[in-house]
Amino acid sequence: MAAVPHLLWWVLLWLSCECYGWYFTFVQGFVYLFLLYVQGFTPKQMVNPWKTYVKLSAVLMGSHGLTKGSLAFLNYPAQLMFKSTKVLPVMIMGAFIPGLRRKYPAHEYISAVLLVVGLILFTLADAHSSPNFSVIGVIMVSGALVMDSFLGNLQEAIFTMNPETTQTEMLFCSTLMGLPFLIPPMIFTGELFRAWASCSKHPYVYGVLVFEAMATFIGQVSVLSLIALFGAATTAMVTTARKAVTLLLSYLIFTKPMTEQHGTGLLLIAMGITMKLLPADSKPHQRASASSANAKSSQHTSTAHEITQLENAGQDEEKNPLV
């Protein structure tokens, strides 16, 4: 049994070195479709037309492919630093998505900045060597960030415009329609043939890909549920905070030494999360609007009462002219 974790470690190391991002995303897409089929989802249960998912599918597959492919040119700490800034472009892009036009209060932007800066400091302190900022890797992960900023907001817009949309429908349709978008980059870069030849020599790699796809499938459904309930920006902050918790647990489990930079990063992360949990300062506005509404209603009531009295007085004069 001890040989199994050892084998998985070497397989994952080999995957990270080869890093056929488009091909691995392509294989995992079929695993998603199989898992959704096992759950009993069929296209007959759709409530949105297919064209709704065209743009979403292209952005989804592009984001996954660029994220996985960037590991061939960037080490994990460098990629994590870039991906941890996702919450900021998601919040900015929310103001430009049709059907959403999301705007956030100032304290939420400050909260996002604190969370991002804290995670970057923590990640830099965790890196034992300087991150490898390859130009190709930076371009790829930057492209993934741009697509992520569209992705979450597009998903939230679909949930908002049609509340009957389910998470399984969105994942099924976006995956099914997104798989053809992966074929051109795989053929253009030659990755399809290299990955097929390399994985054919090591068939157990597909077992690892299936295992990873099953794990990420649960994560995808959970993320879609968060977007449907709380919105894209809050979901991005949750996933960013999850990265910080993962790093912190690695220190608690493996008892690695923590430096002052780690402490500073954790403090900023805690401040960002706390500020996010604070309620928006909307009570004074609500009270002011309520008082103005009450004043207007009282004015309307007094005016109506005066009109009624005048009408009654006029009727009394017609009945009794001597009065």
C-alpha atoms as a PDB file:
ATOM      1  CA  MET A   1       0.000   0.000   0.000  1.00  0.00           C
ATOM      2  CA  ALA A   2       2.887   2.356   0.631  1.00  0.00           C
ATOM      3  CA  ALA A   3       3.841   2.099  -3.027  1.00  0.00           C
ATOM      4  CA  VAL A   4       0.516   3.644  -4.137  1.00  0.00           C
ATOM      5  CA  PRO A   5       1.108   7.171  -2.719  1.00  0.00           C
ATOM      6  CA  HIS A   6       4.685   6.977  -3.978  1.00  0.00           C
ATOM      7  CA  LEU A   7       3.449   6.124  -7.467  1.00  0.00           C
ATOM      8  CA  LEU A   8       0.848   8.898  -7.406  1.00  0.00           C
ATOM      9  CA  TRP A   9       3.509  11.367  -6.356  1.00  0.00           C
ATOM     10  CA  TRP A  10       5.716  10.523  -9.306  1.00  0.00           C
ATOM     11  CA  VAL A  11       2.768  10.574 -11.694  1.00  0.00           C
ATOM     12  CA  LEU A  12       1.720  14.014 -10.491  1.00  0.00           C
ATOM     13  CA  LEU A  13       5.310  15.206 -10.756  1.00  0.00           C
ATOM     14  CA  TRP A  14       5.462  13.907 -14.326  1.00  0.00           C
ATOM     15  CA  LEU A  15       2.146  15.600 -15.138  1.00  0.00           C
ATOM     16  CA  SER A  16       3.396  18.926 -13.820  1.00  0.00           C
ATOM     17  CA  CYS A  17       6.607  18.635 -15.853  1.00  0.00           C
ATOM     18  CA  GLU A  18       4.909  17.673 -19.113  1.00  0.00           C
ATOM     19  CA  CYS A  19       1.827  19.792 -18.413  1.00  0.00           C
ATOM     20  CA  TYR A  20      -0.326  19.152 -21.475  1.00  0.00           C
ATOM     21  CA  GLY A  21      -2.921  21.644 -20.287  1.00  0.00           C
ATOM     22  CA  TRP A  22      -5.275  21.541 -23.271  1.00  0.00           C
ATOM     23  CA  TYR A  23      -5.178  17.740 -23.549  1.00  0.00           C
ATOM     24  CA  PHE A  24      -5.710  17.139 -19.832  1.00  0.00           C
ATOM     25  CA  THR A  25      -8.656  19.554 -19.832  1.00  0.00           C
ATOM     26  CA  PHE A  26     -10.058  17.686 -22.844  1.00  0.00           C
ATOM     27  CA  VAL A  27      -9.867  14.314 -21.069  1.00  0.00           C
ATOM     28  CA  GLN A  28     -11.330  15.657 -17.840  1.00  0.00           C
ATOM     29  CA  GLY A  29     -14.234  17.161 -19.784  1.00  0.00           C
ATOM     30  CA  PHE A  30     -15.352  13.682 -20.805  1.00  0.00           C
ATOM     31  CA  VAL A  31     -15.104  12.571 -17.181  1.00  0.00           C
ATOM     32  CA  TYR A  32     -17.404  15.458 -16.203  1.00  0.00           C
ATOM     33  CA  LEU A  33     -19.944  14.430 -18.837  1.00  0.00           C
ATOM     34  CA  PHE A  34     -19.869  10.828 -17.629  1.00  0.00           C
ATOM     35  CA  LEU A  35     -20.394  11.871 -14.000  1.00  0.00           C
ATOM     36  CA  LEU A  36     -23.308  14.098 -14.986  1.00  0.00           C
ATOM     37  CA  TYR A  37     -24.813  11.252 -17.014  1.00  0.00           C
ATOM     38  CA  VAL A  38     -24.525   8.949 -13.991  1.00  0.00           C
ATOM     39  CA  GLN A  39     -26.367  11.570 -11.941  1.00  0.00           C
ATOM     40  CA  GLY A  40     -29.235  11.317 -14.417  1.00  0.00           C
ATOM     41  CA  PHE A  41     -28.980  14.678 -16.158  1.00  0.00           C
ATOM     42  CA  THR A  42     -30.234  14.825 -19.746  1.00  0.00           C
ATOM     43  CA  PRO A  43     -30.565  17.745 -22.215  1.00  0.00           C
ATOM     44  CA  LYS A  44     -34.345  17.452 -21.844  1.00  0.00           C
ATOM     45  CA  GLN A  45     -33.999  19.040 -18.408  1.00  0.00           C
ATOM     46  CA  MET A  46     -32.467  22.243 -19.840  1.00  0.00           C
ATOM     47  CA  VAL A  47     -34.254  25.538 -19.227  1.00  0.00           C
ATOM     48  CA  ASN A  48     -31.861  27.710 -21.289  1.00  0.00           C
ATOM     49  CA  PRO A  49     -31.185  27.545 -25.047  1.00  0.00           C
ATOM     50  CA  TRP A  50     -27.858  26.136 -26.256  1.00  0.00           C
ATOM     51  CA  LYS A  51     -26.730  29.518 -27.567  1.00  0.00           C
ATOM     52  CA  THR A  52     -26.656  30.836 -23.992  1.00  0.00           C
ATOM     53  CA  TYR A  53     -23.630  28.650 -23.275  1.00  0.00           C
ATOM     54  CA  VAL A  54     -21.542  29.323 -26.405  1.00  0.00           C
ATOM     55  CA  LYS A  55     -19.558  32.257 -25.001  1.00  0.00           C
ATOM     56  CA  LEU A  56     -19.438  30.699 -21.539  1.00  0.00           C
ATOM     57  CA  SER A  57     -18.031  27.427 -22.913  1.00  0.00           C
ATOM     58  CA  ALA A  58     -15.233  29.118 -24.833  1.00  0.00           C
ATOM     59  CA  VAL A  59     -14.206  31.160 -21.779  1.00  0.00           C
ATOM     60  CA  LEU A  60     -14.392  28.139 -19.448  1.00  0.00           C
ATOM     61  CA  MET A  61     -12.210  25.860 -21.556  1.00  0.00           C
ATOM     62  CA  GLY A  62      -9.765  28.641 -22.322  1.00  0.00           C
ATOM     63  CA  SER A  63      -9.350  29.402 -18.626  1.00  0.00           C
ATOM     64  CA  HIS A  64      -8.780  25.756 -17.672  1.00  0.00           C
ATOM     65  CA  GLY A  65      -6.389  25.104 -20.521  1.00  0.00           C
ATOM     66  CA  LEU A  66      -4.275  28.220 -19.941  1.00  0.00           C
ATOM     67  CA  THR A  67      -4.159  27.604 -16.184  1.00  0.00           C
ATOM     68  CA  LYS A  68      -2.889  24.045 -16.566  1.00  0.00           C
ATOM     69  CA  GLY A  69      -0.573  24.927 -19.425  1.00  0.00           C
ATOM     70  CA  SER A  70       1.062  27.817 -17.556  1.00  0.00           C
ATOM     71  CA  LEU A  71       2.616  25.349 -15.092  1.00  0.00           C
ATOM     72  CA  ALA A  72       5.024  24.333 -17.843  1.00  0.00           C
ATOM     73  CA  PHE A  73       6.502  27.861 -17.692  1.00  0.00           C
ATOM     74  CA  LEU A  74       5.739  28.991 -14.131  1.00  0.00           C
ATOM     75  CA  ASN A  75       6.260  27.220 -10.833  1.00  0.00           C
ATOM     76  CA  TYR A  76       3.294  26.793  -8.515  1.00  0.00           C
ATOM     77  CA  PRO A  77       4.009  29.755  -6.178  1.00  0.00           C
ATOM     78  CA  ALA A  78       4.288  32.110  -9.147  1.00  0.00           C
ATOM     79  CA  GLN A  79       1.029  30.834 -10.644  1.00  0.00           C
ATOM     80  CA  LEU A  80      -0.688  31.063  -7.259  1.00  0.00           C
ATOM     81  CA  MET A  81       0.333  34.706  -6.910  1.00  0.00           C
ATOM     82  CA  PHE A  82      -1.273  35.542 -10.245  1.00  0.00           C
ATOM     83  CA  LYS A  83      -4.416  33.479  -9.664  1.00  0.00           C
ATOM     84  CA  SER A  84      -4.933  34.961  -6.197  1.00  0.00           C
ATOM     85  CA  THR A  85      -5.657  38.343  -7.795  1.00  0.00           C
ATOM     86  CA  LYS A  86      -8.708  36.940  -9.601  1.00  0.00           C
ATOM     87  CA  VAL A  87     -11.200  38.543  -7.242  1.00  0.00           C
ATOM     88  CA  LEU A  88     -10.259  42.072  -8.339  1.00  0.00           C
ATOM     89  CA  PRO A  89     -10.853  41.659 -12.112  1.00  0.00           C
ATOM     90  CA  VAL A  90     -14.033  39.705 -11.324  1.00  0.00           C
ATOM     91  CA  MET A  91     -15.404  42.640  -9.320  1.00  0.00           C
ATOM     92  CA  ILE A  92     -14.385  45.167 -11.990  1.00  0.00           C
ATOM     93  CA  MET A  93     -15.773  43.129 -14.891  1.00  0.00           C
ATOM     94  CA  GLY A  94     -19.116  42.675 -13.102  1.00  0.00           C
ATOM     95  CA  ALA A  95     -20.006  46.282 -13.914  1.00  0.00           C
ATOM     96  CA  PHE A  96     -19.805  45.630 -17.673  1.00  0.00           C
ATOM     97  CA  ILE A  97     -21.627  42.289 -18.064  1.00  0.00           C
ATOM     98  CA  PRO A  98     -25.080  42.738 -19.705  1.00  0.00           C
ATOM     99  CA  GLY A  99     -27.898  41.559 -17.486  1.00  0.00           C
ATOM    100  CA  LEU A 100     -25.765  41.964 -14.368  1.00  0.00           C
ATOM    101  CA  ARG A 101     -24.188  45.442 -14.084  1.00  0.00           C
ATOM    102  CA  ARG A 102     -22.939  44.609 -10.591  1.00  0.00           C
ATOM    103  CA  LYS A 103     -21.563  47.400  -8.410  1.00  0.00           C
ATOM    104  CA  TYR A 104     -19.909  46.923  -5.026  1.00  0.00           C
ATOM    105  CA  PRO A 105     -19.434  49.239  -2.056  1.00  0.00           C
ATOM    106  CA  ALA A 106     -15.984  50.678  -1.390  1.00  0.00           C
ATOM    107  CA  HIS A 107     -15.290  48.483   1.635  1.00  0.00           C
ATOM    108  CA  GLU A 108     -15.604  45.325  -0.487  1.00  0.00           C
ATOM    109  CA  TYR A 109     -12.905  46.557  -2.881  1.00  0.00           C
ATOM    110  CA  ILE A 110     -10.655  47.309   0.097  1.00  0.00           C
ATOM    111  CA  SER A 111     -11.403  43.852   1.495  1.00  0.00           C
ATOM    112  CA  ALA A 112     -10.439  42.226  -1.802  1.00  0.00           C
ATOM    113  CA  VAL A 113      -7.159  44.177  -1.973  1.00  0.00           C
ATOM    114  CA  LEU A 114      -6.220  43.165   1.590  1.00  0.00           C
ATOM    115  CA  LEU A 115      -6.993  39.526   0.867  1.00  0.00           C
ATOM    116  CA  VAL A 116      -4.974  39.502  -2.355  1.00  0.00           C
ATOM    117  CA  VAL A 117      -1.948  41.302  -0.904  1.00  0.00           C
ATOM    118  CA  GLY A 118      -1.955  39.044   2.156  1.00  0.00           C
ATOM    119  CA  LEU A 119      -2.031  35.884   0.074  1.00  0.00           C
ATOM    120  CA  ILE A 120       0.739  37.158  -2.203  1.00  0.00           C
ATOM    121  CA  LEU A 121       2.960  37.919   0.815  1.00  0.00           C
ATOM    122  CA  PHE A 122       2.237  34.497   2.282  1.00  0.00           C
ATOM    123  CA  THR A 123       2.971  32.781  -1.032  1.00  0.00           C
ATOM    124  CA  LEU A 124       6.235  34.677  -1.538  1.00  0.00           C
ATOM    125  CA  ALA A 125       7.342  33.660   1.945  1.00  0.00           C
ATOM    126  CA  ASP A 126       6.426  30.051   1.149  1.00  0.00           C
ATOM    127  CA  ALA A 127       8.573  29.984  -1.994  1.00  0.00           C
ATOM    128  CA  HIS A 128      12.076  28.647  -1.290  1.00  0.00           C
ATOM    129  CA  SER A 129      13.353  29.980  -4.595  1.00  0.00           C
ATOM    130  CA  SER A 130      12.562  32.996  -6.727  1.00  0.00           C
ATOM    131  CA  PRO A 131       9.477  32.408  -8.861  1.00  0.00           C
ATOM    132  CA  ASN A 132      10.197  31.614 -12.475  1.00  0.00           C
ATOM    133  CA  PHE A 133       8.538  34.487 -14.310  1.00  0.00           C
ATOM    134  CA  SER A 134       8.757  33.153 -17.855  1.00  0.00           C
ATOM    135  CA  VAL A 135       7.239  35.538 -20.379  1.00  0.00           C
ATOM    136  CA  ILE A 136       5.148  32.778 -21.974  1.00  0.00           C
ATOM    137  CA  GLY A 137       3.895  31.611 -18.594  1.00  0.00           C
ATOM    138  CA  VAL A 138       2.991  35.146 -17.521  1.00  0.00           C
ATOM    139  CA  ILE A 139       1.050  35.688 -20.759  1.00  0.00           C
ATOM    140  CA  MET A 140      -0.798  32.394 -20.335  1.00  0.00           C
ATOM    141  CA  VAL A 141      -1.776  32.940 -16.702  1.00  0.00           C
ATOM    142  CA  SER A 142      -2.731  36.565 -17.463  1.00  0.00           C
ATOM    143  CA  GLY A 143      -5.012  35.302 -20.223  1.00  0.00           C
ATOM    144  CA  ALA A 144      -6.527  32.849 -17.743  1.00  0.00           C
ATOM    145  CA  LEU A 145      -7.178  35.730 -15.331  1.00  0.00           C
ATOM    146  CA  VAL A 146      -8.976  37.749 -18.003  1.00  0.00           C
ATOM    147  CA  MET A 147     -11.138  34.737 -18.869  1.00  0.00           C
ATOM    148  CA  ASP A 148     -11.835  34.092 -15.183  1.00  0.00           C
ATOM    149  CA  SER A 149     -13.083  37.669 -14.817  1.00  0.00           C
ATOM    150  CA  PHE A 150     -15.629  36.989 -17.559  1.00  0.00           C
ATOM    151  CA  LEU A 151     -16.430  33.435 -16.461  1.00  0.00           C
ATOM    152  CA  GLY A 152     -17.818  34.030 -12.983  1.00  0.00           C
ATOM    153  CA  ASN A 153     -19.841  37.060 -14.046  1.00  0.00           C
ATOM    154  CA  LEU A 154     -21.314  35.273 -17.070  1.00  0.00           C
ATOM    155  CA  GLN A 155     -22.347  32.381 -14.847  1.00  0.00           C
ATOM    156  CA  GLU A 156     -23.920  34.760 -12.336  1.00  0.00           C
ATOM    157  CA  ALA A 157     -25.755  36.576 -15.160  1.00  0.00           C
ATOM    158  CA  ILE A 158     -27.275  33.292 -16.381  1.00  0.00           C
ATOM    159  CA  PHE A 159     -28.393  32.384 -12.864  1.00  0.00           C
ATOM    160  CA  THR A 160     -29.830  35.883 -12.388  1.00  0.00           C
ATOM    161  CA  MET A 161     -31.747  36.076 -15.659  1.00  0.00           C
ATOM    162  CA  ASN A 162     -33.127  32.540 -15.289  1.00  0.00           C
ATOM    163  CA  PRO A 163     -33.296  31.429 -11.633  1.00  0.00           C
ATOM    164  CA  GLU A 164     -34.493  27.959 -12.693  1.00  0.00           C
ATOM    165  CA  THR A 165     -31.029  27.166 -14.080  1.00  0.00           C
ATOM    166  CA  THR A 166     -29.359  24.322 -12.172  1.00  0.00           C
ATOM    167  CA  GLN A 167     -25.668  23.829 -11.502  1.00  0.00           C
ATOM    168  CA  THR A 168     -25.689  20.479 -13.315  1.00  0.00           C
ATOM    169  CA  GLU A 169     -27.186  22.060 -16.431  1.00  0.00           C
ATOM    170  CA  MET A 170     -24.577  24.805 -16.525  1.00  0.00           C
ATOM    171  CA  LEU A 171     -21.692  22.381 -16.010  1.00  0.00           C
ATOM    172  CA  PHE A 172     -23.040  19.887 -18.573  1.00  0.00           C
ATOM    173  CA  CYS A 173     -23.772  22.427 -21.314  1.00  0.00           C
ATOM    174  CA  SER A 174     -20.607  24.463 -20.865  1.00  0.00           C
ATOM    175  CA  THR A 175     -18.468  21.296 -20.874  1.00  0.00           C
ATOM    176  CA  LEU A 176     -20.185  19.674 -23.847  1.00  0.00           C
ATOM    177  CA  MET A 177     -20.021  22.815 -25.955  1.00  0.00           C
ATOM    178  CA  GLY A 178     -16.556  23.718 -24.722  1.00  0.00           C
ATOM    179  CA  LEU A 179     -14.770  20.516 -25.743  1.00  0.00           C
ATOM    180  CA  PRO A 180     -14.661  21.448 -29.480  1.00  0.00           C
ATOM    181  CA  PHE A 181     -12.954  24.741 -28.560  1.00  0.00           C
ATOM    182  CA  LEU A 182      -9.969  22.743 -27.225  1.00  0.00           C
ATOM    183  CA  ILE A 183      -9.274  20.929 -30.498  1.00  0.00           C
ATOM    184  CA  PRO A 184      -7.795  23.868 -32.523  1.00  0.00           C
ATOM    185  CA  PRO A 185      -5.135  24.849 -29.920  1.00  0.00           C
ATOM    186  CA  MET A 186      -4.186  21.195 -29.407  1.00  0.00           C
ATOM    187  CA  ILE A 187      -3.680  20.686 -33.148  1.00  0.00           C
ATOM    188  CA  PHE A 188      -2.035  24.075 -33.742  1.00  0.00           C
ATOM    189  CA  THR A 189       0.567  23.550 -31.002  1.00  0.00           C
ATOM    190  CA  GLY A 190       0.999  19.851 -31.733  1.00  0.00           C
ATOM    191  CA  GLU A 191       0.084  19.044 -28.157  1.00  0.00           C
ATOM    192  CA  LEU A 192      -2.578  16.525 -29.165  1.00  0.00           C
ATOM    193  CA  PHE A 193      -0.098  14.176 -30.830  1.00  0.00           C
ATOM    194  CA  ARG A 194       2.670  14.610 -28.250  1.00  0.00           C
ATOM    195  CA  ALA A 195       0.282  14.073 -25.335  1.00  0.00           C
ATOM    196  CA  TRP A 196      -1.321  11.031 -26.970  1.00  0.00           C
ATOM    197  CA  ALA A 197       2.060   9.418 -27.645  1.00  0.00           C
ATOM    198  CA  SER A 198       3.383  10.227 -24.174  1.00  0.00           C
ATOM    199  CA  CYS A 199       0.284   9.067 -22.302  1.00  0.00           C
ATOM    200  CA  SER A 200       0.128   5.874 -24.380  1.00  0.00           C
ATOM    201  CA  LYS A 201       3.475   4.886 -22.904  1.00  0.00           C
ATOM    202  CA  HIS A 202       2.127   5.535 -19.398  1.00  0.00           C
ATOM    203  CA  PRO A 203      -1.557   4.454 -19.406  1.00  0.00           C
ATOM    204  CA  TYR A 204      -1.860   4.831 -15.630  1.00  0.00           C
ATOM    205  CA  VAL A 205      -1.784   8.594 -16.198  1.00  0.00           C
ATOM    206  CA  TYR A 206      -5.416   8.400 -17.296  1.00  0.00           C
ATOM    207  CA  GLY A 207      -6.298   6.883 -13.939  1.00  0.00           C
ATOM    208  CA  VAL A 208      -4.764   9.879 -12.194  1.00  0.00           C
ATOM    209  CA  LEU A 209      -6.623  12.244 -14.539  1.00  0.00           C
ATOM    210  CA  VAL A 210      -9.923  10.506 -13.765  1.00  0.00           C
ATOM    211  CA  PHE A 211      -9.238  10.712 -10.037  1.00  0.00           C
ATOM    212  CA  GLU A 212      -8.396  14.420 -10.311  1.00  0.00           C
ATOM    213  CA  ALA A 213     -11.457  15.089 -12.482  1.00  0.00           C
ATOM    214  CA  MET A 214     -13.722  13.441  -9.897  1.00  0.00           C
ATOM    215  CA  ALA A 215     -12.288  15.685  -7.200  1.00  0.00           C
ATOM    216  CA  THR A 216     -12.500  18.863  -9.286  1.00  0.00           C
ATOM    217  CA  PHE A 217     -16.035  17.927 -10.351  1.00  0.00           C
ATOM    218  CA  ILE A 218     -17.180  18.291  -6.750  1.00  0.00           C
ATOM    219  CA  GLY A 219     -15.351  21.601  -6.566  1.00  0.00           C
ATOM    220  CA  GLN A 220     -16.959  22.860  -9.791  1.00  0.00           C
ATOM    221  CA  VAL A 221     -20.474  22.070  -8.564  1.00  0.00           C
ATOM    222  CA  SER A 222     -19.710  23.744  -5.230  1.00  0.00           C
ATOM    223  CA  VAL A 223     -18.373  26.876  -6.936  1.00  0.00           C
ATOM    224  CA  LEU A 224     -21.437  27.096  -9.182  1.00  0.00           C
ATOM    225  CA  SER A 225     -23.663  26.774  -6.116  1.00  0.00           C
ATOM    226  CA  LEU A 226     -21.799  29.638  -4.441  1.00  0.00           C
ATOM    227  CA  ILE A 227     -22.153  31.806  -7.558  1.00  0.00           C
ATOM    228  CA  ALA A 228     -25.889  31.094  -7.742  1.00  0.00           C
ATOM    229  CA  LEU A 229     -26.394  31.968  -4.069  1.00  0.00           C
ATOM    230  CA  PHE A 230     -23.886  34.741  -3.346  1.00  0.00           C
ATOM    231  CA  GLY A 231     -22.532  36.045  -6.663  1.00  0.00           C
ATOM    232  CA  ALA A 232     -19.256  35.868  -8.570  1.00  0.00           C
ATOM    233  CA  ALA A 233     -17.226  38.304  -6.454  1.00  0.00           C
ATOM    234  CA  THR A 234     -18.035  36.621  -3.130  1.00  0.00           C
ATOM    235  CA  THR A 235     -17.237  33.243  -4.684  1.00  0.00           C
ATOM    236  CA  ALA A 236     -13.886  34.541  -5.926  1.00  0.00           C
ATOM    237  CA  MET A 237     -13.077  35.761  -2.416  1.00  0.00           C
ATOM    238  CA  VAL A 238     -14.018  32.373  -0.957  1.00  0.00           C
ATOM    239  CA  THR A 239     -11.789  30.506  -3.411  1.00  0.00           C
ATOM    240  CA  THR A 240      -8.950  32.957  -2.733  1.00  0.00           C
ATOM    241  CA  ALA A 241      -9.349  32.474   1.013  1.00  0.00           C
ATOM    242  CA  ARG A 242      -9.359  28.726   0.399  1.00  0.00           C
ATOM    243  CA  LYS A 243      -5.858  29.020  -1.086  1.00  0.00           C
ATOM    244  CA  ALA A 244      -4.705  30.752   2.085  1.00  0.00           C
ATOM    245  CA  VAL A 245      -6.255  28.041   4.279  1.00  0.00           C
ATOM    246  CA  THR A 246      -4.549  25.358   2.172  1.00  0.00           C
ATOM    247  CA  LEU A 247      -1.162  26.990   2.652  1.00  0.00           C
ATOM    248  CA  LEU A 248      -1.778  27.449   6.384  1.00  0.00           C
ATOM    249  CA  LEU A 249      -2.781  23.802   6.819  1.00  0.00           C
ATOM    250  CA  SER A 250       0.403  22.740   5.064  1.00  0.00           C
ATOM    251  CA  TYR A 251       2.357  24.549   7.790  1.00  0.00           C
ATOM    252  CA  LEU A 252       0.297  23.037  10.580  1.00  0.00           C
ATOM    253  CA  ILE A 253       0.479  19.483   9.203  1.00  0.00           C
ATOM    254  CA  PHE A 254       4.125  19.457   8.119  1.00  0.00           C
ATOM    255  CA  THR A 255       5.286  21.794  10.917  1.00  0.00           C
ATOM    256  CA  LYS A 256       7.193  24.130   8.633  1.00  0.00           C
ATOM    257  CA  PRO A 257       8.733  27.263  10.183  1.00  0.00           C
ATOM    258  CA  MET A 258       6.762  30.504   9.877  1.00  0.00           C
ATOM    259  CA  THR A 259       8.410  33.877   9.384  1.00  0.00           C
ATOM    260  CA  GLU A 260       7.289  37.447  10.037  1.00  0.00           C
ATOM    261  CA  GLN A 261       6.224  37.708   6.397  1.00  0.00           C
ATOM    262  CA  HIS A 262       3.901  34.747   6.922  1.00  0.00           C
ATOM    263  CA  GLY A 263       2.390  36.501   9.931  1.00  0.00           C
ATOM    264  CA  THR A 264       1.922  39.750   7.997  1.00  0.00           C
ATOM    265  CA  GLY A 265       0.223  37.886   5.166  1.00  0.00           C
ATOM    266  CA  LEU A 266      -2.108  36.049   7.545  1.00  0.00           C
ATOM    267  CA  LEU A 267      -2.975  39.329   9.295  1.00  0.00           C
ATOM    268  CA  LEU A 268      -3.914  41.015   6.001  1.00  0.00           C
ATOM    269  CA  ILE A 269      -5.954  37.971   4.960  1.00  0.00           C
ATOM    270  CA  ALA A 270      -7.827  38.009   8.268  1.00  0.00           C
ATOM    271  CA  MET A 271      -8.469  41.762   7.913  1.00  0.00           C
ATOM    272  CA  GLY A 272      -9.790  41.289   4.380  1.00  0.00           C
ATOM    273  CA  ILE A 273     -12.148  38.483   5.395  1.00  0.00           C
ATOM    274  CA  THR A 274     -13.362  40.427   8.442  1.00  0.00           C
ATOM    275  CA  MET A 275     -14.050  43.532   6.368  1.00  0.00           C
ATOM    276  CA  LYS A 276     -15.976  41.401   3.867  1.00  0.00           C
ATOM    277  CA  LEU A 277     -18.182  40.052   6.658  1.00  0.00           C
ATOM    278  CA  LEU A 278     -19.089  43.544   7.873  1.00  0.00           C
ATOM    279  CA  PRO A 279     -22.593  44.616   6.783  1.00  0.00           C
ATOM    280  CA  ALA A 280     -22.931  47.444   4.314  1.00  0.00           C
ATOM    281  CA  ASP A 281     -23.793  50.872   5.786  1.00  0.00           C
ATOM    282  CA  SER A 282     -27.275  50.962   4.330  1.00  0.00           C
ATOM    283  CA  LYS A 283     -29.322  51.488   7.467  1.00  0.00           C
ATOM    284  CA  PRO A 284     -29.065  55.313   7.512  1.00  0.00           C
ATOM    285  CA  HIS A 285     -30.178  55.433   3.880  1.00  0.00           C
ATOM    286  CA  GLN A 286     -33.031  53.060   4.620  1.00  0.00           C
ATOM    287  CA  ARG A 287     -34.093  55.154   7.588  1.00  0.00           C
ATOM    288  CA  ALA A 288     -33.900  58.379   5.583  1.00  0.00           C
ATOM    289  CA  SER A 289     -35.944  56.901   2.757  1.00  0.00           C
ATOM    290  CA  ALA A 290     -38.425  55.460   5.230  1.00  0.00           C
ATOM    291  CA  SER A 291     -38.832  58.828   7.004  1.00  0.00           C
ATOM    292  CA  SER A 292     -39.281  60.643   3.696  1.00  0.00           C
ATOM    293  CA  ALA A 293     -41.841  58.041   2.626  1.00  0.00           C
ATOM    294  CA  ASN A 294     -43.698  58.461   5.904  1.00  0.00           C
ATOM    295  CA  ALA A 295     -43.656  62.246   5.485  1.00  0.00           C
ATOM    296  CA  LYS A 296     -45.031  61.973   1.978  1.00  0.00           C
ATOM    297  CA  SER A 297     -47.753  59.563   3.081  1.00  0.00           C
ATOM    298  CA  SER A 298     -48.745  61.867   5.954  1.00  0.00           C
ATOM    299  CA  GLN A 299     -48.948  64.804   3.559  1.00  0.00           C
ATOM    300  CA  HIS A 300     -51.132  62.802   1.192  1.00  0.00           C
ATOM    301  CA  THR A 301     -53.327  61.723   4.103  1.00  0.00           C
ATOM    302  CA  SER A 302     -53.806  65.284   5.407  1.00  0.00           C
ATOM    303  CA  THR A 303     -54.535  66.586   1.916  1.00  0.00           C
ATOM    304  CA  ALA A 304     -57.109  63.872   1.310  1.00  0.00           C
ATOM    305  CA  HIS A 305     -58.693  64.622   4.683  1.00  0.00           C
ATOM    306  CA  GLU A 306     -58.996  68.331   3.834  1.00  0.00           C
ATOM    307  CA  ILE A 307     -60.559  67.526   0.456  1.00  0.00           C
ATOM    308  CA  THR A 308     -63.099  65.241   2.145  1.00  0.00           C
ATOM    309  CA  GLN A 309     -64.037  67.956   4.645  1.00  0.00           C
ATOM    310  CA  LEU A 310     -64.562  70.533   1.884  1.00  0.00           C
ATOM    311  CA  GLU A 311     -66.754  68.114  -0.087  1.00  0.00           C
ATOM    312  CA  ASN A 312     -68.860  67.379   3.005  1.00  0.00           C
ATOM    313  CA  ALA A 313     -69.223  71.091   3.721  1.00  0.00           C
ATOM    314  CA  GLY A 314     -70.378  71.691   0.138  1.00  0.00           C
ATOM    315  CA  GLN A 315     -72.978  68.936   0.395  1.00  0.00           C
ATOM    316  CA  ASP A 316     -74.308  70.406   3.673  1.00  0.00           C
ATOM    317  CA  GLU A 317     -74.723  73.836   2.050  1.00  0.00           C
ATOM    318  CA  GLU A 318     -76.736  72.357  -0.838  1.00  0.00           C
ATOM    319  CA  LYS A 319     -79.044  70.513   1.581  1.00  0.00           C
ATOM    320  CA  ASN A 320     -79.516  73.505   3.945  1.00  0.00           C
ATOM    321  CA  PRO A 321     -78.939  76.905   2.230  1.00  0.00           C
ATOM    322  CA  LEU A 322     -79.623  78.783   5.456  1.00  0.00           C
ATOM    323  CA  VAL A 323     -76.556  77.368   7.145  1.00  0.00           C
END
